[in-house]
C-alpha atoms as a PDB file:
ATOM      1  CA  MET A   1       0.169   0.142  -0.056  1.00  0.00           C
ATOM      2  CA  ASN A   2       1.338   3.541  -0.875  1.00  0.00           C
ATOM      3  CA  ILE A   3       0.317   7.193  -0.913  1.00  0.00           C
ATOM      4  CA  GLN A   4      -0.664   7.168  -4.216  1.00  0.00           C
ATOM      5  CA  LEU A   5      -3.099   4.241  -3.733  1.00  0.00           C
ATOM      6  CA  LEU A   6      -4.443   5.934  -0.863  1.00  0.00           C
ATOM      7  CA  GLU A   7      -5.020   9.345  -2.413  1.00  0.00           C
ATOM      8  CA  GLU A   8      -6.756   7.668  -5.607  1.00  0.00           C
ATOM      9  CA  LEU A   9      -9.108   6.120  -3.299  1.00  0.00           C
ATOM     10  CA  GLY A  10     -10.077   9.167  -2.040  1.00  0.00           C
ATOM     11  CA  PHE A  11      -8.443   9.431   1.427  1.00  0.00           C
ATOM     12  CA  ILE A  12      -7.208  13.022   2.516  1.00  0.00           C
ATOM     13  CA  LYS A  13      -3.740  13.758   4.363  1.00  0.00           C
ATOM     14  CA  GLU A  14      -4.175  15.198   7.669  1.00  0.00           C
ATOM     15  CA  ASP A  15      -1.407  16.833   9.653  1.00  0.00           C
ATOM     16  CA  GLY A  16      -0.467  15.668  12.888  1.00  0.00           C
ATOM     17  CA  PHE A  17       1.176  17.503  15.829  1.00  0.00           C
ATOM     18  CA  ASP A  18       3.264  16.214  18.805  1.00  0.00           C
ATOM     19  CA  THR A  19       2.750  19.678  20.465  1.00  0.00           C
ATOM     20  CA  SER A  20       0.331  22.543  20.028  1.00  0.00           C
ATOM     21  CA  ASP A  21       3.336  25.118  20.297  1.00  0.00           C
ATOM     22  CA  ASN A  22       4.438  23.768  16.839  1.00  0.00           C
ATOM     23  CA  ASP A  23       3.160  25.263  13.766  1.00  0.00           C
ATOM     24  CA  THR A  24       5.155  22.483  11.442  1.00  0.00           C
ATOM     25  CA  PRO A  25       3.494  19.302  11.622  1.00  0.00           C
ATOM     26  CA  ASP A  26       5.510  16.624  13.093  1.00  0.00           C
ATOM     27  CA  PHE A  27       3.632  13.563  10.908  1.00  0.00           C
ATOM     28  CA  TYR A  28       0.791  12.930   8.866  1.00  0.00           C
ATOM     29  CA  TYR A  29      -1.682  10.122   8.171  1.00  0.00           C
ATOM     30  CA  TYR A  30      -4.841   9.782   5.787  1.00  0.00           C
ATOM     31  CA  VAL A  31      -8.524   9.525   6.510  1.00  0.00           C
ATOM     32  CA  LEU A  32     -11.640   8.579   4.533  1.00  0.00           C
ATOM     33  CA  ASP A  33     -14.976   8.975   5.641  1.00  0.00           C
ATOM     34  CA  ILE A  34     -18.160   7.176   3.913  1.00  0.00           C
ATOM     35  CA  GLY A  35     -20.983   7.817   6.070  1.00  0.00           C
ATOM     36  CA  ALA A  36     -20.466   7.087   9.255  1.00  0.00           C
ATOM     37  CA  VAL A  37     -17.464   4.908   8.663  1.00  0.00           C
ATOM     38  CA  CYS A  38     -14.394   6.414   9.337  1.00  0.00           C
ATOM     39  CA  LEU A  39     -10.967   4.688   7.741  1.00  0.00           C
ATOM     40  CA  ILE A  40      -7.853   6.189   8.949  1.00  0.00           C
ATOM     41  CA  THR A  41      -4.139   5.035   8.275  1.00  0.00           C
ATOM     42  CA  ASN A  42      -1.226   4.723  10.583  1.00  0.00           C
ATOM     43  CA  ASP A  43       0.861   7.581  10.705  1.00  0.00           C
ATOM     44  CA  SER A  44       3.713   8.422   8.654  1.00  0.00           C
ATOM     45  CA  ASP A  45       6.664   7.831  11.319  1.00  0.00           C
ATOM     46  CA  ASP A  46       5.362   4.364  11.689  1.00  0.00           C
ATOM     47  CA  ALA A  47       4.706   3.705   7.924  1.00  0.00           C
ATOM     48  CA  GLU A  48       8.319   4.308   7.524  1.00  0.00           C
ATOM     49  CA  GLU A  49       8.962   1.484   9.706  1.00  0.00           C
ATOM     50  CA  ASN A  50       5.972  -0.704   9.086  1.00  0.00           C
ATOM     51  CA  GLY A  51       4.309   0.227   5.421  1.00  0.00           C
ATOM     52  CA  TRP A  52       1.195   1.988   5.257  1.00  0.00           C
ATOM     53  CA  TYR A  53      -1.982   0.089   6.530  1.00  0.00           C
ATOM     54  CA  VAL A  54      -5.698   1.415   7.256  1.00  0.00           C
ATOM     55  CA  GLU A  55      -8.121   0.716   9.996  1.00  0.00           C
ATOM     56  CA  LEU A  56     -11.479   1.326  10.909  1.00  0.00           C
ATOM     57  CA  PHE A  57     -11.285   4.264  13.355  1.00  0.00           C
ATOM     58  CA  GLU A  58     -11.432   3.082  17.017  1.00  0.00           C
ATOM     59  CA  GLY A  59     -11.666  -0.485  15.720  1.00  0.00           C
ATOM     60  CA  ASP A  60      -9.994  -3.827  15.757  1.00  0.00           C
ATOM     61  CA  ILE A  61      -9.759  -4.000  12.125  1.00  0.00           C
ATOM     62  CA  ARG A  62      -6.879  -3.671  10.250  1.00  0.00           C
ATOM     63  CA  PHE A  63      -6.149  -3.563   6.016  1.00  0.00           C
ATOM     64  CA  THR A  64      -2.842  -4.051   4.529  1.00  0.00           C
ATOM     65  CA  ASP A  65      -4.187  -5.301   1.187  1.00  0.00           C
ATOM     66  CA  ILE A  66      -5.130  -3.000  -1.263  1.00  0.00           C
ATOM     67  CA  GLU A  67      -7.613  -5.005  -2.926  1.00  0.00           C
ATOM     68  CA  GLU A  68      -9.468  -5.674   0.287  1.00  0.00           C
ATOM     69  CA  LEU A  69      -9.590  -2.087   1.038  1.00  0.00           C
ATOM     70  CA  LYS A  70     -10.692  -1.297  -2.456  1.00  0.00           C
ATOM     71  CA  ASN A  71     -13.329  -4.041  -1.669  1.00  0.00           C
ATOM     72  CA  LEU A  72     -14.587  -2.380   1.476  1.00  0.00           C
ATOM     73  CA  ILE A  73     -14.691   0.737  -0.007  1.00  0.00           C
ATOM     74  CA  ASP A  74     -16.726  -0.064  -2.787  1.00  0.00           C
ATOM     75  CA  ILE A  75     -19.172  -2.004  -0.667  1.00  0.00           C
ATOM     76  CA  LEU A  76     -19.645   0.994   1.847  1.00  0.00           C
ATOM     77  CA  ASN A  77     -20.171   3.606  -1.237  1.00  0.00           C
ATOM     78  CA  ARG A  78     -22.707   1.168  -3.013  1.00  0.00           C
ATOM     79  CA  ASN A  79     -24.708   1.059   0.229  1.00  0.00           C
ATOM     80  CA  LEU A  80     -24.760   4.391   1.698  1.00  0.00           C
ATOM     81  CA  LYS A  81     -28.398   5.363   2.739  1.00  0.00           C
ATOM     82  CA  PRO A  82     -29.788   8.216   0.263  1.00  0.00           C
ATOM     83  CA  THR A  83     -29.557  11.622   1.851  1.00  0.00           C
END
């Protein structure tokens, strides 16, 4: 999994800060919200060591395979309730 694939899937880059008195981001990560489901990556510091992965926010499910992640995103998008 890489940044280009995450961005192609619609993930948005978010900056992270270790301290509130810092104007320069210390790390970054990616998020994608589909309805009430939030998918979030590990942060850039961790990704340097372990590669990128995606988790359900505050959940126990992790995706490391891009095809499985694409399938999940497709299923979620096809089943959104009309607004």
